[in-house]
Amino acid sequence: MIVRGNRIRNCDYSAVRGNSASNIQITGNSVSDVREVALYAEFSFEGALIANNTVDGAAFGVSVCNFNEGGRLAVVHGNIIRNLLPKRPIGTAPDDDAGVGIYVEADSSVTGNVIEHAPAVGIMAGWGKYLRDVVITGNLIRKAFIGVGVSVASGAGTALVSNNMISEAPRGAVVGLDHARPVTPDLTADGAQHFAQVMIGTNSVRA
């Protein structure tokens, strides 16, 4: 399945949703005013490419999830994602999380994206123990409450966070999470030595 070059706006739910769609490509789309997850790869897929899209206004920009169902193996690259909603509107799933630019769980690379105005987290890796082998490099994150959030819950796997530029993230540039809850100080300042599975390289951080 290839979804390419579309202009999609004013959606109650998703602009593009791949449900158990292995080898899906979502590329070069222009998306705005989405009240749930704009670009979605979920459930038992293997292989998703989400690249070179623009998302302006959504509860989540990109979600690559359901490692618990076998969902894994993705590249999220070169997207512009901005103006995320602080909560989901009534009529969708208002109790679900919102305000996240990019969310991934397993065997995934997140590179070269630009994220601006994320009320919760710019890039989020893992949910509880559902995290394995995620690379987050070369991204620009501006005006996110947390720049990069990484699961440090019991059983969570490995994440590498390096060579990103993160500015105006008041809660921290890189923060350990227990599900959606921040549980560490800024790991770029404090160090990640207490969490062997979180490897933090050189990131440019500006208050």
N, C-alpha and C. Protein backbone atom coordinates (compact mmCIF):
# COMPACT_ATOMS: atom_id res chain seq x y z
N MET A 1 0.84 -1.19 0.00
CA MET A 1 0.00 0.00 0.00
C MET A 1 0.88 1.24 0.00
N ILE A 2 0.62 2.16 -0.93
CA ILE A 2 1.32 3.43 -1.00
C ILE A 2 0.27 4.54 -0.98
N VAL A 3 0.43 5.47 -0.02
CA VAL A 3 -0.46 6.63 0.07
C VAL A 3 0.44 7.85 -0.12
N ARG A 4 0.30 8.52 -1.25
CA ARG A 4 1.30 9.51 -1.64
C ARG A 4 0.63 10.72 -2.29
N GLY A 5 1.10 11.92 -1.91
CA GLY A 5 0.77 13.13 -2.64
C GLY A 5 -0.65 13.62 -2.50
N ASN A 6 -1.26 13.36 -1.34
CA ASN A 6 -2.64 13.79 -1.12
C ASN A 6 -2.69 15.04 -0.24
N ARG A 7 -3.79 15.77 -0.41
CA ARG A 7 -4.10 16.91 0.46
C ARG A 7 -5.30 16.52 1.28
N ILE A 8 -5.12 16.38 2.61
CA ILE A 8 -6.17 15.85 3.49
C ILE A 8 -6.36 16.83 4.63
N ARG A 9 -7.62 17.24 4.88
CA ARG A 9 -7.86 18.18 5.96
C ARG A 9 -9.22 17.92 6.60
N ASN A 10 -9.35 18.43 7.84
CA ASN A 10 -10.61 18.43 8.59
C ASN A 10 -11.16 17.02 8.80
N CYS A 11 -10.36 16.22 9.56
CA CYS A 11 -10.74 14.83 9.86
C CYS A 11 -11.05 14.68 11.34
N ASP A 12 -12.14 14.02 11.67
CA ASP A 12 -12.42 13.71 13.06
C ASP A 12 -11.42 12.69 13.61
N TYR A 13 -10.99 11.77 12.78
CA TYR A 13 -10.06 10.74 13.23
C TYR A 13 -8.74 10.89 12.47
N SER A 14 -8.31 9.90 11.71
CA SER A 14 -7.00 9.95 11.08
C SER A 14 -7.07 10.42 9.63
N ALA A 15 -5.96 11.01 9.18
CA ALA A 15 -5.82 11.31 7.75
C ALA A 15 -5.47 10.04 6.98
N VAL A 16 -4.47 9.29 7.49
CA VAL A 16 -4.09 8.01 6.89
C VAL A 16 -3.87 7.02 8.02
N ARG A 17 -4.52 5.87 7.96
CA ARG A 17 -4.37 4.85 9.00
C ARG A 17 -4.11 3.50 8.34
N GLY A 18 -2.95 2.93 8.62
CA GLY A 18 -2.64 1.58 8.17
C GLY A 18 -2.83 0.60 9.30
N ASN A 19 -3.83 -0.25 9.19
CA ASN A 19 -4.17 -1.24 10.22
C ASN A 19 -3.65 -2.60 9.74
N SER A 20 -2.60 -3.11 10.41
CA SER A 20 -1.97 -4.38 10.05
C SER A 20 -1.51 -4.36 8.59
N ALA A 21 -0.99 -3.21 8.15
CA ALA A 21 -0.60 -3.01 6.75
C ALA A 21 0.92 -3.04 6.65
N SER A 22 1.49 -4.22 6.40
CA SER A 22 2.93 -4.34 6.27
C SER A 22 3.41 -3.67 4.99
N ASN A 23 4.62 -3.12 5.07
CA ASN A 23 5.27 -2.46 3.93
C ASN A 23 4.48 -1.27 3.39
N ILE A 24 3.74 -0.61 4.25
CA ILE A 24 3.01 0.59 3.85
C ILE A 24 3.98 1.76 3.70
N GLN A 25 3.71 2.61 2.73
CA GLN A 25 4.44 3.86 2.55
C GLN A 25 3.44 5.01 2.59
N ILE A 26 3.69 5.97 3.49
CA ILE A 26 2.87 7.18 3.59
C ILE A 26 3.83 8.34 3.35
N THR A 27 3.79 8.91 2.15
CA THR A 27 4.82 9.86 1.75
C THR A 27 4.22 11.06 1.03
N GLY A 28 4.79 12.22 1.32
CA GLY A 28 4.50 13.42 0.54
C GLY A 28 3.08 13.92 0.63
N ASN A 29 2.43 13.68 1.75
CA ASN A 29 1.06 14.15 1.94
C ASN A 29 1.04 15.45 2.74
N SER A 30 0.04 16.29 2.48
CA SER A 30 -0.16 17.52 3.23
C SER A 30 -1.45 17.37 4.04
N VAL A 31 -1.30 17.43 5.37
CA VAL A 31 -2.40 17.10 6.28
C VAL A 31 -2.61 18.27 7.24
N SER A 32 -3.87 18.64 7.47
CA SER A 32 -4.15 19.69 8.44
C SER A 32 -5.48 19.44 9.12
N ASP A 33 -5.61 19.96 10.34
CA ASP A 33 -6.85 19.94 11.11
C ASP A 33 -7.38 18.52 11.28
N VAL A 34 -6.58 17.70 12.00
CA VAL A 34 -6.94 16.31 12.29
C VAL A 34 -7.10 16.20 13.80
N ARG A 35 -8.20 15.63 14.24
CA ARG A 35 -8.52 15.66 15.67
C ARG A 35 -8.15 14.37 16.41
N GLU A 36 -7.46 13.46 15.71
CA GLU A 36 -6.90 12.28 16.38
C GLU A 36 -5.46 12.12 15.91
N VAL A 37 -5.05 10.95 15.49
CA VAL A 37 -3.70 10.72 14.99
C VAL A 37 -3.68 10.99 13.49
N ALA A 38 -2.79 11.87 13.05
CA ALA A 38 -2.79 12.22 11.62
C ALA A 38 -2.35 11.04 10.76
N LEU A 39 -1.18 10.47 11.04
CA LEU A 39 -0.61 9.40 10.22
C LEU A 39 -0.30 8.22 11.13
N TYR A 40 -0.87 7.07 10.82
CA TYR A 40 -0.97 5.96 11.78
C TYR A 40 -0.51 4.67 11.12
N ALA A 41 0.39 3.93 11.78
CA ALA A 41 0.67 2.53 11.46
C ALA A 41 0.47 1.75 12.75
N GLU A 42 -0.47 0.81 12.75
CA GLU A 42 -0.85 0.17 14.00
C GLU A 42 -1.09 -1.32 13.82
N PHE A 43 -1.16 -2.02 14.95
CA PHE A 43 -1.42 -3.45 15.07
C PHE A 43 -0.33 -4.27 14.38
N SER A 44 -0.63 -5.38 13.78
CA SER A 44 0.39 -6.39 13.45
C SER A 44 1.01 -6.13 12.08
N PHE A 45 1.72 -5.02 11.95
CA PHE A 45 2.43 -4.72 10.71
C PHE A 45 3.92 -4.97 10.90
N GLU A 46 4.61 -5.15 9.80
CA GLU A 46 6.07 -5.14 9.78
C GLU A 46 6.50 -4.31 8.58
N GLY A 47 7.13 -3.19 8.84
CA GLY A 47 7.62 -2.33 7.79
C GLY A 47 6.66 -1.19 7.48
N ALA A 48 7.04 0.02 7.89
CA ALA A 48 6.24 1.22 7.57
C ALA A 48 7.22 2.35 7.30
N LEU A 49 6.99 3.05 6.20
CA LEU A 49 7.76 4.23 5.87
C LEU A 49 6.82 5.43 5.90
N ILE A 50 7.10 6.39 6.79
CA ILE A 50 6.30 7.61 6.90
C ILE A 50 7.27 8.76 6.71
N ALA A 51 7.23 9.38 5.53
CA ALA A 51 8.30 10.31 5.17
C ALA A 51 7.78 11.49 4.36
N ASN A 52 8.40 12.65 4.62
CA ASN A 52 8.23 13.85 3.79
C ASN A 52 6.78 14.34 3.75
N ASN A 53 6.08 14.17 4.85
CA ASN A 53 4.73 14.69 5.00
C ASN A 53 4.75 15.99 5.80
N THR A 54 3.71 16.80 5.65
CA THR A 54 3.50 17.93 6.53
C THR A 54 2.19 17.71 7.28
N VAL A 55 2.25 17.95 8.58
CA VAL A 55 1.06 17.85 9.45
C VAL A 55 0.97 19.15 10.22
N ASP A 56 -0.13 19.86 10.03
CA ASP A 56 -0.36 21.13 10.72
C ASP A 56 -1.68 21.04 11.46
N GLY A 57 -1.62 20.70 12.75
CA GLY A 57 -2.83 20.58 13.56
C GLY A 57 -3.31 19.15 13.66
N ALA A 58 -3.06 18.49 14.82
CA ALA A 58 -3.51 17.12 15.07
C ALA A 58 -3.33 16.84 16.56
N ALA A 59 -4.02 15.80 17.06
CA ALA A 59 -3.76 15.37 18.43
C ALA A 59 -2.40 14.69 18.53
N PHE A 60 -2.10 13.78 17.60
CA PHE A 60 -0.79 13.18 17.41
C PHE A 60 -0.41 13.43 15.96
N GLY A 61 0.87 13.67 15.70
CA GLY A 61 1.30 13.79 14.32
C GLY A 61 1.44 12.43 13.65
N VAL A 62 2.33 11.58 14.21
CA VAL A 62 2.60 10.24 13.68
C VAL A 62 2.58 9.27 14.85
N SER A 63 1.94 8.11 14.65
CA SER A 63 1.98 7.05 15.66
C SER A 63 2.29 5.72 14.98
N VAL A 64 3.33 5.07 15.47
CA VAL A 64 3.76 3.75 14.98
C VAL A 64 3.74 2.84 16.20
N CYS A 65 2.69 2.04 16.34
CA CYS A 65 2.42 1.45 17.65
C CYS A 65 1.96 0.00 17.55
N ASN A 66 1.58 -0.52 18.73
CA ASN A 66 1.08 -1.88 18.92
C ASN A 66 2.16 -2.94 18.76
N PHE A 67 3.33 -2.68 19.35
CA PHE A 67 4.34 -3.73 19.47
C PHE A 67 3.78 -4.93 20.22
N ASN A 68 2.84 -4.69 21.11
CA ASN A 68 2.19 -5.80 21.83
C ASN A 68 1.43 -6.73 20.90
N GLU A 69 1.07 -6.25 19.70
CA GLU A 69 0.39 -7.07 18.70
C GLU A 69 1.34 -7.48 17.56
N GLY A 70 2.62 -7.14 17.70
CA GLY A 70 3.60 -7.47 16.66
C GLY A 70 3.95 -6.32 15.75
N GLY A 71 3.42 -5.12 15.99
CA GLY A 71 3.72 -3.96 15.16
C GLY A 71 5.16 -3.50 15.35
N ARG A 72 5.94 -3.49 14.27
CA ARG A 72 7.37 -3.18 14.39
C ARG A 72 7.95 -2.80 13.04
N LEU A 73 9.13 -2.21 13.08
CA LEU A 73 9.96 -1.96 11.92
C LEU A 73 9.44 -0.78 11.11
N ALA A 74 10.00 0.41 11.40
CA ALA A 74 9.51 1.62 10.73
C ALA A 74 10.62 2.64 10.58
N VAL A 75 10.46 3.49 9.56
CA VAL A 75 11.27 4.68 9.38
C VAL A 75 10.33 5.87 9.34
N VAL A 76 10.59 6.86 10.19
CA VAL A 76 9.83 8.11 10.20
C VAL A 76 10.85 9.21 9.92
N HIS A 77 10.75 9.80 8.73
CA HIS A 77 11.84 10.66 8.27
C HIS A 77 11.31 11.89 7.52
N GLY A 78 11.90 13.03 7.81
CA GLY A 78 11.72 14.21 6.99
C GLY A 78 10.35 14.83 7.03
N ASN A 79 9.62 14.62 8.11
CA ASN A 79 8.29 15.20 8.25
C ASN A 79 8.34 16.54 8.97
N ILE A 80 7.43 17.44 8.62
CA ILE A 80 7.20 18.67 9.37
C ILE A 80 5.88 18.50 10.12
N ILE A 81 5.94 18.60 11.44
CA ILE A 81 4.77 18.35 12.29
C ILE A 81 4.66 19.50 13.27
N ARG A 82 3.53 20.19 13.29
CA ARG A 82 3.43 21.37 14.14
C ARG A 82 2.00 21.58 14.61
N ASN A 83 1.90 22.40 15.65
CA ASN A 83 0.60 22.84 16.18
C ASN A 83 -0.26 21.66 16.62
N LEU A 84 0.32 20.84 17.51
CA LEU A 84 -0.42 19.70 18.07
C LEU A 84 -1.43 20.17 19.11
N LEU A 85 -2.52 19.44 19.21
CA LEU A 85 -3.58 19.79 20.15
C LEU A 85 -3.21 19.34 21.57
N PRO A 86 -3.56 20.12 22.59
CA PRO A 86 -3.27 19.71 23.96
C PRO A 86 -4.15 18.57 24.46
N LYS A 87 -5.32 18.39 23.86
CA LYS A 87 -6.19 17.25 24.21
C LYS A 87 -7.08 16.93 23.02
N ARG A 88 -7.63 15.74 23.03
CA ARG A 88 -8.51 15.31 21.94
C ARG A 88 -9.92 15.85 22.16
N PRO A 89 -10.55 16.31 21.11
CA PRO A 89 -11.89 16.88 21.27
C PRO A 89 -12.93 15.83 21.66
N ILE A 90 -13.96 16.29 22.33
CA ILE A 90 -15.12 15.42 22.61
C ILE A 90 -15.70 14.96 21.28
N GLY A 91 -16.05 13.68 21.22
CA GLY A 91 -16.56 13.10 19.98
C GLY A 91 -15.55 12.20 19.31
N THR A 92 -14.26 12.30 19.72
CA THR A 92 -13.26 11.35 19.23
C THR A 92 -12.99 10.37 20.38
N ALA A 93 -11.84 10.47 21.01
CA ALA A 93 -11.53 9.69 22.21
C ALA A 93 -10.90 10.65 23.20
N PRO A 94 -11.70 11.48 23.85
CA PRO A 94 -11.16 12.62 24.61
C PRO A 94 -10.27 12.25 25.77
N ASP A 95 -10.34 11.00 26.27
CA ASP A 95 -9.50 10.61 27.39
C ASP A 95 -8.14 10.08 26.95
N ASP A 96 -7.94 9.86 25.64
CA ASP A 96 -6.65 9.39 25.15
C ASP A 96 -5.64 10.53 25.14
N ASP A 97 -4.37 10.16 25.08
CA ASP A 97 -3.31 11.16 25.11
C ASP A 97 -3.31 12.01 23.85
N ALA A 98 -2.73 13.19 23.96
CA ALA A 98 -2.64 14.11 22.83
C ALA A 98 -1.37 14.94 23.02
N GLY A 99 -1.11 15.81 22.03
CA GLY A 99 0.00 16.73 22.14
C GLY A 99 1.36 16.14 21.84
N VAL A 100 1.41 15.03 21.09
CA VAL A 100 2.66 14.33 20.78
C VAL A 100 2.94 14.43 19.29
N GLY A 101 4.19 14.80 18.95
CA GLY A 101 4.55 14.92 17.54
C GLY A 101 4.69 13.57 16.86
N ILE A 102 5.61 12.73 17.37
CA ILE A 102 5.88 11.41 16.80
C ILE A 102 5.97 10.41 17.94
N TYR A 103 5.30 9.27 17.76
CA TYR A 103 5.33 8.20 18.76
C TYR A 103 5.73 6.90 18.07
N VAL A 104 6.74 6.19 18.61
CA VAL A 104 7.18 4.92 18.06
C VAL A 104 7.45 3.94 19.19
N GLU A 105 7.49 2.64 18.83
CA GLU A 105 7.72 1.63 19.86
C GLU A 105 8.87 0.67 19.56
N ALA A 106 8.96 0.13 18.35
CA ALA A 106 9.90 -0.99 18.17
C ALA A 106 10.59 -0.97 16.82
N ASP A 107 11.91 -1.20 16.88
CA ASP A 107 12.73 -1.44 15.69
C ASP A 107 12.55 -0.32 14.67
N SER A 108 12.70 0.91 15.13
CA SER A 108 12.34 2.08 14.33
C SER A 108 13.41 3.15 14.37
N SER A 109 13.51 3.88 13.25
CA SER A 109 14.42 5.01 13.13
C SER A 109 13.60 6.28 12.91
N VAL A 110 13.88 7.30 13.71
CA VAL A 110 13.19 8.59 13.62
C VAL A 110 14.26 9.64 13.36
N THR A 111 14.32 10.14 12.11
CA THR A 111 15.41 11.01 11.72
C THR A 111 14.92 12.18 10.87
N GLY A 112 15.57 13.32 11.05
CA GLY A 112 15.40 14.44 10.14
C GLY A 112 14.03 15.08 10.14
N ASN A 113 13.28 14.95 11.23
CA ASN A 113 11.97 15.56 11.34
C ASN A 113 12.06 16.93 12.02
N VAL A 114 11.10 17.79 11.72
CA VAL A 114 10.98 19.09 12.39
C VAL A 114 9.63 19.12 13.10
N ILE A 115 9.67 19.35 14.41
CA ILE A 115 8.45 19.34 15.23
C ILE A 115 8.40 20.64 16.01
N GLU A 116 7.26 21.30 15.96
CA GLU A 116 7.10 22.58 16.64
C GLU A 116 5.73 22.67 17.28
N HIS A 117 5.69 23.14 18.52
CA HIS A 117 4.46 23.30 19.29
C HIS A 117 3.80 21.94 19.57
N ALA A 118 4.44 21.17 20.45
CA ALA A 118 3.90 19.91 20.94
C ALA A 118 3.63 20.07 22.43
N PRO A 119 2.37 20.20 22.84
CA PRO A 119 2.08 20.48 24.25
C PRO A 119 2.53 19.39 25.22
N ALA A 120 2.71 18.16 24.75
CA ALA A 120 3.15 17.08 25.64
C ALA A 120 4.60 16.69 25.34
N VAL A 121 4.84 16.01 24.23
CA VAL A 121 6.16 15.47 23.91
C VAL A 121 6.42 15.63 22.41
N GLY A 122 7.63 16.07 22.08
CA GLY A 122 7.98 16.17 20.67
C GLY A 122 8.07 14.80 20.01
N ILE A 123 8.95 13.94 20.55
CA ILE A 123 9.10 12.56 20.08
C ILE A 123 9.05 11.65 21.29
N MET A 124 8.22 10.63 21.22
CA MET A 124 8.02 9.72 22.35
C MET A 124 8.35 8.29 21.90
N ALA A 125 9.19 7.60 22.68
CA ALA A 125 9.61 6.24 22.36
C ALA A 125 9.16 5.30 23.46
N GLY A 126 8.24 4.42 23.13
CA GLY A 126 7.84 3.35 24.03
C GLY A 126 6.68 3.68 24.92
N TRP A 127 6.02 2.60 25.39
CA TRP A 127 4.90 2.70 26.31
C TRP A 127 5.05 1.57 27.32
N GLY A 128 5.45 1.91 28.53
CA GLY A 128 5.73 0.85 29.51
C GLY A 128 6.86 -0.03 29.00
N LYS A 129 6.66 -1.34 29.04
CA LYS A 129 7.70 -2.27 28.59
C LYS A 129 7.79 -2.38 27.07
N TYR A 130 6.88 -1.75 26.36
CA TYR A 130 6.85 -1.89 24.90
C TYR A 130 7.76 -0.87 24.23
N LEU A 131 9.05 -1.18 24.29
CA LEU A 131 10.09 -0.38 23.64
C LEU A 131 11.22 -1.32 23.26
N ARG A 132 11.66 -1.22 22.00
CA ARG A 132 12.81 -2.02 21.57
C ARG A 132 13.51 -1.33 20.40
N ASP A 133 14.80 -1.09 20.54
CA ASP A 133 15.67 -0.70 19.44
C ASP A 133 15.11 0.46 18.62
N VAL A 134 15.04 1.62 19.27
CA VAL A 134 14.58 2.85 18.62
C VAL A 134 15.75 3.83 18.55
N VAL A 135 15.94 4.42 17.37
CA VAL A 135 16.97 5.42 17.14
C VAL A 135 16.29 6.75 16.85
N ILE A 136 16.67 7.80 17.59
CA ILE A 136 16.13 9.15 17.42
C ILE A 136 17.30 10.08 17.19
N THR A 137 17.54 10.46 15.93
CA THR A 137 18.72 11.26 15.61
C THR A 137 18.37 12.33 14.57
N GLY A 138 19.08 13.46 14.69
CA GLY A 138 19.03 14.48 13.67
C GLY A 138 17.71 15.19 13.52
N ASN A 139 16.93 15.26 14.58
CA ASN A 139 15.64 15.94 14.55
C ASN A 139 15.75 17.33 15.17
N LEU A 140 14.86 18.22 14.74
CA LEU A 140 14.72 19.54 15.34
C LEU A 140 13.38 19.59 16.06
N ILE A 141 13.41 19.87 17.36
CA ILE A 141 12.20 19.92 18.18
C ILE A 141 12.17 21.27 18.87
N ARG A 142 11.11 22.03 18.63
CA ARG A 142 10.97 23.36 19.21
C ARG A 142 9.64 23.47 19.94
N LYS A 143 9.68 24.08 21.11
CA LYS A 143 8.47 24.42 21.84
C LYS A 143 7.61 23.18 22.11
N ALA A 144 8.25 22.17 22.68
CA ALA A 144 7.55 20.99 23.19
C ALA A 144 7.74 20.98 24.71
N PHE A 145 6.73 20.58 25.46
CA PHE A 145 6.86 20.51 26.92
C PHE A 145 8.03 19.60 27.29
N ILE A 146 8.09 18.42 26.69
CA ILE A 146 9.24 17.52 26.76
C ILE A 146 9.74 17.33 25.34
N GLY A 147 11.05 17.48 25.14
CA GLY A 147 11.57 17.30 23.79
C GLY A 147 11.44 15.87 23.32
N VAL A 148 12.16 14.96 24.00
CA VAL A 148 12.11 13.53 23.69
C VAL A 148 11.78 12.79 24.98
N GLY A 149 10.75 11.95 24.94
CA GLY A 149 10.39 11.12 26.08
C GLY A 149 10.68 9.66 25.76
N VAL A 150 11.38 8.98 26.67
CA VAL A 150 11.77 7.58 26.46
C VAL A 150 11.28 6.75 27.63
N SER A 151 10.65 5.63 27.34
CA SER A 151 10.17 4.76 28.42
C SER A 151 11.35 4.19 29.20
N VAL A 152 11.29 4.34 30.52
CA VAL A 152 12.27 3.72 31.42
C VAL A 152 11.56 2.76 32.37
N ALA A 153 10.35 2.34 32.01
CA ALA A 153 9.60 1.40 32.83
C ALA A 153 10.29 0.04 32.84
N SER A 154 9.97 -0.77 33.81
CA SER A 154 10.55 -2.10 33.92
C SER A 154 10.28 -2.91 32.65
N GLY A 155 11.32 -3.49 32.10
CA GLY A 155 11.19 -4.32 30.90
C GLY A 155 11.36 -3.58 29.60
N ALA A 156 11.47 -2.24 29.64
CA ALA A 156 11.63 -1.48 28.40
C ALA A 156 13.00 -1.76 27.78
N GLY A 157 13.04 -1.74 26.45
CA GLY A 157 14.26 -2.01 25.71
C GLY A 157 15.09 -0.76 25.46
N THR A 158 15.89 -0.81 24.40
CA THR A 158 16.94 0.17 24.18
C THR A 158 16.50 1.29 23.26
N ALA A 159 16.95 2.52 23.57
CA ALA A 159 16.75 3.67 22.71
C ALA A 159 18.02 4.49 22.67
N LEU A 160 18.33 5.01 21.48
CA LEU A 160 19.45 5.91 21.27
C LEU A 160 18.91 7.27 20.90
N VAL A 161 19.33 8.32 21.63
CA VAL A 161 18.90 9.69 21.38
C VAL A 161 20.16 10.53 21.19
N SER A 162 20.41 10.98 19.96
CA SER A 162 21.67 11.64 19.70
C SER A 162 21.55 12.62 18.54
N ASN A 163 22.35 13.70 18.61
CA ASN A 163 22.48 14.66 17.51
C ASN A 163 21.16 15.32 17.13
N ASN A 164 20.32 15.55 18.11
CA ASN A 164 19.10 16.31 17.91
C ASN A 164 19.30 17.74 18.40
N MET A 165 18.52 18.66 17.84
CA MET A 165 18.48 20.03 18.36
C MET A 165 17.13 20.22 19.03
N ILE A 166 17.15 20.57 20.32
CA ILE A 166 15.93 20.69 21.12
C ILE A 166 15.94 22.04 21.80
N SER A 167 14.93 22.85 21.53
CA SER A 167 14.89 24.18 22.13
C SER A 167 13.51 24.45 22.73
N GLU A 168 13.52 25.18 23.83
CA GLU A 168 12.30 25.60 24.52
C GLU A 168 11.44 24.41 24.93
N ALA A 169 12.08 23.48 25.67
CA ALA A 169 11.38 22.31 26.23
C ALA A 169 11.43 22.45 27.75
N PRO A 170 10.43 23.08 28.37
CA PRO A 170 10.55 23.47 29.78
C PRO A 170 10.69 22.30 30.75
N ARG A 171 10.10 21.14 30.46
CA ARG A 171 10.21 20.01 31.38
C ARG A 171 11.51 19.22 31.19
N GLY A 172 12.14 19.40 30.01
CA GLY A 172 13.41 18.73 29.78
C GLY A 172 13.57 18.34 28.33
N ALA A 173 14.82 18.31 27.89
CA ALA A 173 15.11 17.94 26.50
C ALA A 173 14.90 16.45 26.27
N VAL A 174 15.41 15.62 27.18
CA VAL A 174 15.21 14.16 27.11
C VAL A 174 14.81 13.70 28.51
N VAL A 175 13.66 13.07 28.61
CA VAL A 175 13.09 12.73 29.92
C VAL A 175 12.63 11.28 29.90
N GLY A 176 12.90 10.55 30.98
CA GLY A 176 12.39 9.20 31.14
C GLY A 176 10.93 9.19 31.54
N LEU A 177 10.18 8.27 30.94
CA LEU A 177 8.74 8.18 31.17
C LEU A 177 8.36 6.81 31.72
N ASP A 178 7.35 6.81 32.57
CA ASP A 178 6.63 5.59 32.94
C ASP A 178 5.25 5.72 32.32
N HIS A 179 5.06 5.09 31.18
CA HIS A 179 3.89 5.34 30.34
C HIS A 179 3.87 6.83 29.98
N ALA A 180 2.83 7.56 30.31
CA ALA A 180 2.81 8.98 29.94
C ALA A 180 3.40 9.88 31.02
N ARG A 181 3.81 9.32 32.14
CA ARG A 181 4.21 10.13 33.29
C ARG A 181 5.72 10.36 33.31
N PRO A 182 6.17 11.62 33.33
CA PRO A 182 7.61 11.88 33.46
C PRO A 182 8.11 11.45 34.84
N VAL A 183 9.23 10.70 34.88
CA VAL A 183 9.74 10.18 36.16
C VAL A 183 11.21 10.49 36.38
N THR A 184 11.85 11.24 35.49
CA THR A 184 13.26 11.58 35.67
C THR A 184 13.44 13.07 35.42
N PRO A 185 14.56 13.62 35.89
CA PRO A 185 14.94 14.96 35.43
C PRO A 185 15.40 14.89 33.98
N ASP A 186 15.85 16.00 33.46
CA ASP A 186 16.38 16.05 32.10
C ASP A 186 17.65 15.20 32.03
N LEU A 187 17.60 14.13 31.23
CA LEU A 187 18.73 13.20 31.17
C LEU A 187 19.91 13.77 30.40
N THR A 188 19.72 14.82 29.62
CA THR A 188 20.87 15.43 28.96
C THR A 188 21.72 16.20 29.97
N ALA A 189 21.11 16.63 31.05
CA ALA A 189 21.85 17.35 32.09
C ALA A 189 22.29 16.42 33.21
N ASP A 190 21.41 15.49 33.58
CA ASP A 190 21.65 14.62 34.72
C ASP A 190 22.40 13.35 34.35
N GLY A 191 22.38 13.00 33.06
CA GLY A 191 23.00 11.75 32.63
C GLY A 191 22.03 10.59 32.74
N ALA A 192 22.22 9.61 31.86
CA ALA A 192 21.30 8.46 31.81
C ALA A 192 21.93 7.22 32.41
N GLN A 193 22.94 7.40 33.29
CA GLN A 193 23.67 6.25 33.78
C GLN A 193 22.80 5.29 34.59
N HIS A 194 21.70 5.80 35.13
CA HIS A 194 20.82 4.92 35.91
C HIS A 194 19.93 4.07 35.02
N PHE A 195 19.94 4.34 33.73
CA PHE A 195 19.07 3.62 32.79
C PHE A 195 19.95 3.11 31.65
N ALA A 196 20.45 1.91 31.82
CA ALA A 196 21.43 1.38 30.88
C ALA A 196 20.87 1.25 29.46
N GLN A 197 19.55 1.14 29.34
CA GLN A 197 18.98 0.95 28.01
C GLN A 197 18.80 2.26 27.25
N VAL A 198 19.00 3.41 27.92
CA VAL A 198 18.85 4.71 27.26
C VAL A 198 20.24 5.27 26.99
N MET A 199 20.59 5.38 25.72
CA MET A 199 21.90 5.89 25.33
C MET A 199 21.73 7.30 24.76
N ILE A 200 22.32 8.27 25.42
CA ILE A 200 22.18 9.67 25.02
C ILE A 200 23.52 10.18 24.54
N GLY A 201 23.56 10.58 23.28
CA GLY A 201 24.77 11.15 22.70
C GLY A 201 24.78 12.65 22.85
N THR A 202 25.38 13.32 21.91
CA THR A 202 25.48 14.77 21.92
C THR A 202 24.24 15.36 21.29
N ASN A 203 23.51 16.12 22.06
CA ASN A 203 22.34 16.85 21.58
C ASN A 203 22.55 18.33 21.87
N SER A 204 22.03 19.17 20.97
CA SER A 204 22.09 20.62 21.19
C SER A 204 20.81 21.04 21.89
N VAL A 205 20.96 21.58 23.10
CA VAL A 205 19.81 21.91 23.93
C VAL A 205 19.85 23.39 24.25
N ARG A 206 18.73 24.07 24.02
CA ARG A 206 18.64 25.51 24.30
C ARG A 206 17.36 25.78 25.06
N ALA A 207 17.45 26.52 26.14
CA ALA A 207 16.29 26.82 26.97
C ALA A 207 15.33 27.75 26.23
